[in-house]
Amino acid sequence: MSLFSERVWQSTTPLRHKIHSMPFNAELASGTLSRDRFQYYIIQDSLYLAEYSRVLALAAARSPDMEQLQAFAKSALGAVAVEQSLHERYLAEFGVTPDELASSVPSPECSGYTSFLLAAAYHESWEVLIAALLPCFWLYWDVGTSISKIAKKDNPYRAWIDTYADDHFAASVQRVIKVTDDAAARASIYTRRKMATAFVRCCQYEWLFWDSAYSKNSWPLSESSLLPEM
């Protein structure tokens, strides 16, 4: 029987094709993505990563044995550190201060995605949680390596492309995939189905996240205009 990762990756092929061809990633690959869209994306991705890191820490703490804890923590948290460094570079380039980032509001898609992951961390099994965390790593590596094959050297988003196409990032992704496959191999059919559902849902959230960055989606009206005085 094929590995869990092979089955869910194959099943999400139509969605992954849409992710590769969606305007945000297509224009990022060609270097024509507007600066304001990329800046919106970097801010939202920084807000997302802050919550994602917390969920990763919970996943590491919930690992059923020391070997898995070390493998997961080293690979997942190491990859996040690389992403945080990338964000800091672009935020500095855009002139976004820490205070401005702290006051930024997560988009509906960012909020929905992180809420789903937090719910998995607190209400689902460890196996389902790591399946939910996997798409963020795997899809970024998949998109990054695909774009790196066609992007020009002077692409203004070269740092983003190189980060996710890097061999070290790929090695971290492969280790997280292995941890997920090992967990699935020991899980019941019921749990594997829930793992697959979580994986698919988070792949869908990845599409929504990139799409919302392109449209610079926001909540209807601002909080300041809706909140009463206290």
Protein backbone atom coordinates (compact mmCIF):
# COMPACT_ATOMS: atom_id res chain seq x y z
CA MET A 1 0.00 0.00 0.00
CA SER A 2 1.27 3.48 -0.84
CA LEU A 3 2.29 5.94 1.84
CA PHE A 4 -0.22 8.35 3.34
CA SER A 5 1.69 11.32 1.92
CA GLU A 6 1.62 9.85 -1.59
CA ARG A 7 -2.13 9.31 -1.48
CA VAL A 8 -3.06 12.78 -0.20
CA TRP A 9 -0.58 14.48 -2.53
CA GLN A 10 -2.06 12.67 -5.52
CA SER A 11 -5.62 13.40 -4.44
CA THR A 12 -4.93 17.15 -4.26
CA THR A 13 -3.40 17.35 -7.75
CA PRO A 14 -6.26 19.43 -9.26
CA LEU A 15 -6.04 21.95 -6.42
CA ARG A 16 -2.26 22.13 -6.62
CA HIS A 17 -2.49 22.88 -10.34
CA LYS A 18 -4.81 25.78 -9.50
CA ILE A 19 -2.35 27.02 -6.89
CA HIS A 20 0.50 27.04 -9.40
CA SER A 21 -1.52 28.89 -12.04
CA MET A 22 -3.37 31.39 -9.82
CA PRO A 23 -2.56 35.05 -10.54
CA PHE A 24 -0.48 35.66 -7.41
CA ASN A 25 1.96 32.82 -8.04
CA ALA A 26 1.98 33.22 -11.82
CA GLU A 27 2.89 36.91 -11.51
CA LEU A 28 5.39 36.20 -8.75
CA ALA A 29 7.10 33.74 -11.09
CA SER A 30 7.24 36.29 -13.92
CA GLY A 31 8.33 39.07 -11.58
CA THR A 32 5.30 41.20 -12.50
CA LEU A 33 3.44 40.89 -9.19
CA SER A 34 2.76 44.40 -7.91
CA ARG A 35 4.75 45.60 -4.94
CA ASP A 36 1.63 46.50 -2.94
CA ARG A 37 0.19 43.00 -3.36
CA PHE A 38 3.43 41.38 -2.24
CA GLN A 39 3.69 43.73 0.72
CA TYR A 40 0.13 42.87 1.75
CA TYR A 41 1.04 39.19 1.45
CA ILE A 42 4.23 39.50 3.53
CA ILE A 43 2.38 41.28 6.34
CA GLN A 44 -0.39 38.68 6.36
CA ASP A 45 2.11 35.83 6.14
CA SER A 46 4.02 37.26 9.10
CA LEU A 47 0.81 37.37 11.14
CA TYR A 48 0.04 33.81 10.04
CA LEU A 49 3.53 32.56 10.87
CA ALA A 50 3.34 33.92 14.41
CA GLU A 51 0.28 31.74 15.09
CA TYR A 52 1.62 28.83 13.05
CA SER A 53 4.77 28.78 15.21
CA ARG A 54 2.65 28.45 18.34
CA VAL A 55 0.78 25.52 16.84
CA LEU A 56 4.08 23.90 15.84
CA ALA A 57 5.29 24.20 19.43
CA LEU A 58 2.11 22.52 20.63
CA ALA A 59 2.57 19.74 18.08
CA ALA A 60 6.16 19.17 19.19
CA ALA A 61 5.10 19.06 22.84
CA ARG A 62 2.37 16.54 22.03
CA SER A 63 4.68 14.16 20.12
CA PRO A 64 4.17 10.61 21.44
CA ASP A 65 7.88 9.84 21.85
CA MET A 66 11.20 11.64 22.17
CA GLU A 67 12.50 10.64 18.73
CA GLN A 68 9.47 12.07 16.98
CA LEU A 69 9.54 15.17 19.17
CA GLN A 70 13.13 15.89 18.21
CA ALA A 71 12.61 15.16 14.52
CA PHE A 72 9.49 17.26 14.28
CA ALA A 73 10.78 20.16 16.35
CA LYS A 74 14.14 20.34 14.56
CA SER A 75 12.65 20.21 11.08
CA ALA A 76 9.48 22.24 11.53
CA LEU A 77 10.77 24.96 13.83
CA GLY A 78 14.00 25.22 11.84
CA ALA A 79 12.06 25.83 8.65
CA VAL A 80 9.95 28.48 10.38
CA ALA A 81 13.12 30.29 11.49
CA VAL A 82 14.17 30.51 7.84
CA GLU A 83 10.77 31.93 6.90
CA GLN A 84 10.87 34.48 9.72
CA SER A 85 14.25 35.70 8.50
CA LEU A 86 12.79 36.14 5.02
CA HIS A 87 9.85 38.12 6.40
CA GLU A 88 12.12 40.38 8.42
CA ARG A 89 14.10 41.18 5.28
CA TYR A 90 11.05 42.16 3.26
CA LEU A 91 9.34 44.02 6.12
CA ALA A 92 12.49 46.12 6.52
CA GLU A 93 12.58 46.71 2.77
CA PHE A 94 8.96 47.87 2.82
CA GLY A 95 9.56 50.05 5.88
CA VAL A 96 7.03 48.19 8.02
CA THR A 97 7.92 48.74 11.68
CA PRO A 98 7.26 46.17 14.45
CA ASP A 99 4.52 48.44 15.83
CA GLU A 100 2.86 48.66 12.43
CA LEU A 101 3.00 44.89 12.05
CA ALA A 102 1.56 44.40 15.54
CA SER A 103 -1.34 46.68 14.72
CA SER A 104 -2.09 44.96 11.40
CA VAL A 105 -5.34 43.00 11.24
CA PRO A 106 -5.32 39.38 9.99
CA SER A 107 -7.44 38.96 6.89
CA PRO A 108 -10.54 36.73 7.04
CA GLU A 109 -8.55 33.99 5.30
CA CYS A 110 -5.54 34.32 7.59
CA SER A 111 -7.78 34.29 10.65
CA GLY A 112 -9.76 31.32 9.37
CA TYR A 113 -6.63 29.30 8.58
CA THR A 114 -4.93 29.88 11.94
CA SER A 115 -8.18 29.26 13.80
CA PHE A 116 -8.50 25.90 12.05
CA LEU A 117 -4.95 24.96 13.07
CA LEU A 118 -5.46 26.06 16.67
CA ALA A 119 -8.69 24.05 16.84
CA ALA A 120 -6.78 21.00 15.57
CA ALA A 121 -4.07 21.58 18.20
CA TYR A 122 -6.56 21.60 21.05
CA HIS A 123 -9.33 19.29 19.88
CA GLU A 124 -7.82 16.73 17.48
CA SER A 125 -5.33 13.91 17.86
CA TRP A 126 -1.61 14.53 17.32
CA GLU A 127 -1.80 12.60 14.04
CA VAL A 128 -4.53 14.88 12.67
CA LEU A 129 -2.66 17.96 13.85
CA ILE A 130 0.57 17.16 12.02
CA ALA A 131 -1.40 16.32 8.85
CA ALA A 132 -2.97 19.79 9.09
CA LEU A 133 0.46 21.41 9.52
CA LEU A 134 2.08 19.64 6.57
CA PRO A 135 0.55 21.55 3.60
CA CYS A 136 2.12 24.85 4.64
CA PHE A 137 5.62 23.37 4.31
CA TRP A 138 5.02 21.08 1.39
CA LEU A 139 3.08 23.44 -0.87
CA TYR A 140 5.57 26.27 -0.38
CA TRP A 141 8.43 23.98 -1.30
CA ASP A 142 6.43 22.71 -4.30
CA VAL A 143 5.61 26.22 -5.52
CA GLY A 144 9.09 27.55 -4.79
CA THR A 145 10.89 24.80 -6.70
CA SER A 146 8.48 25.10 -9.63
CA ILE A 147 8.93 28.87 -9.87
CA SER A 148 12.71 28.64 -9.51
CA LYS A 149 12.88 26.67 -12.76
CA ILE A 150 11.36 29.49 -14.82
CA ALA A 151 12.08 32.71 -12.90
CA LYS A 152 14.75 35.06 -14.22
CA LYS A 153 17.77 35.83 -12.06
CA ASP A 154 16.73 39.48 -11.73
CA ASN A 155 13.22 38.60 -10.52
CA PRO A 156 12.42 41.14 -7.75
CA TYR A 157 11.12 38.28 -5.60
CA ARG A 158 14.25 36.18 -5.96
CA ALA A 159 14.83 35.99 -2.18
CA TRP A 160 11.36 34.48 -1.69
CA ILE A 161 11.91 32.01 -4.52
CA ASP A 162 15.35 30.95 -3.33
CA THR A 163 14.15 30.45 0.25
CA TYR A 164 11.50 27.90 -0.67
CA ALA A 165 13.51 26.20 -3.42
CA ASP A 166 16.54 25.76 -1.13
CA ASP A 167 17.81 22.23 -0.49
CA HIS A 168 17.89 22.77 3.28
CA PHE A 169 14.23 23.78 3.28
CA ALA A 170 13.48 20.73 1.13
CA ALA A 171 15.24 18.47 3.65
CA SER A 172 13.13 19.89 6.48
CA VAL A 173 9.97 19.30 4.48
CA GLN A 174 10.95 15.70 3.76
CA ARG A 175 11.53 15.03 7.45
CA VAL A 176 8.09 16.41 8.36
CA ILE A 177 6.56 14.24 5.61
CA LYS A 178 8.27 11.19 7.10
CA VAL A 179 6.99 11.96 10.60
CA THR A 180 3.48 12.28 9.16
CA ASP A 181 3.79 9.00 7.25
CA ASP A 182 5.07 7.19 10.34
CA ALA A 183 2.13 8.51 12.36
CA ALA A 184 -0.36 7.50 9.66
CA ALA A 185 1.11 3.99 9.44
CA ARG A 186 0.33 3.40 13.12
CA ALA A 187 -3.08 5.10 13.06
CA SER A 188 -6.51 3.56 12.60
CA ILE A 189 -8.41 3.92 9.35
CA TYR A 190 -10.70 6.42 11.08
CA THR A 191 -7.75 8.57 12.12
CA ARG A 192 -6.13 8.37 8.69
CA ARG A 193 -9.36 9.61 7.13
CA LYS A 194 -9.40 12.55 9.55
CA MET A 195 -5.74 13.21 8.73
CA ALA A 196 -6.55 13.26 5.02
CA THR A 197 -9.48 15.62 5.59
CA ALA A 198 -7.27 18.00 7.60
CA PHE A 199 -4.57 17.89 4.92
CA VAL A 200 -7.04 18.71 2.15
CA ARG A 201 -8.68 21.51 4.12
CA CYS A 202 -5.33 23.19 4.75
CA CYS A 203 -4.40 22.89 1.07
CA GLN A 204 -7.64 24.73 0.37
CA TYR A 205 -6.72 27.37 2.94
CA GLU A 206 -3.38 27.85 1.20
CA TRP A 207 -5.21 28.64 -2.06
CA LEU A 208 -7.49 31.03 -0.21
CA PHE A 209 -4.53 32.73 1.46
CA TRP A 210 -2.70 33.43 -1.80
CA ASP A 211 -5.92 34.48 -3.52
CA SER A 212 -6.77 36.91 -0.71
CA ALA A 213 -3.28 38.42 -0.96
CA TYR A 214 -3.83 39.12 -4.65
CA SER A 215 -7.20 40.79 -4.02
CA LYS A 216 -5.94 42.35 -0.75
CA ASN A 217 -9.10 41.11 0.91
CA SER A 218 -10.21 42.65 4.18
CA TRP A 219 -13.07 42.56 6.65
CA PRO A 220 -16.23 44.56 5.81
CA LEU A 221 -15.71 47.96 7.43
CA SER A 222 -12.97 48.48 10.00
CA GLU A 223 -13.01 47.47 13.64
CA SER A 224 -12.52 51.10 14.67
CA SER A 225 -15.73 52.07 12.89
CA LEU A 226 -17.72 49.24 14.47
CA LEU A 227 -16.45 49.05 18.05
CA PRO A 228 -18.23 51.09 20.74
CA GLU A 229 -16.31 53.39 23.04
CA MET A 230 -15.19 51.73 26.28
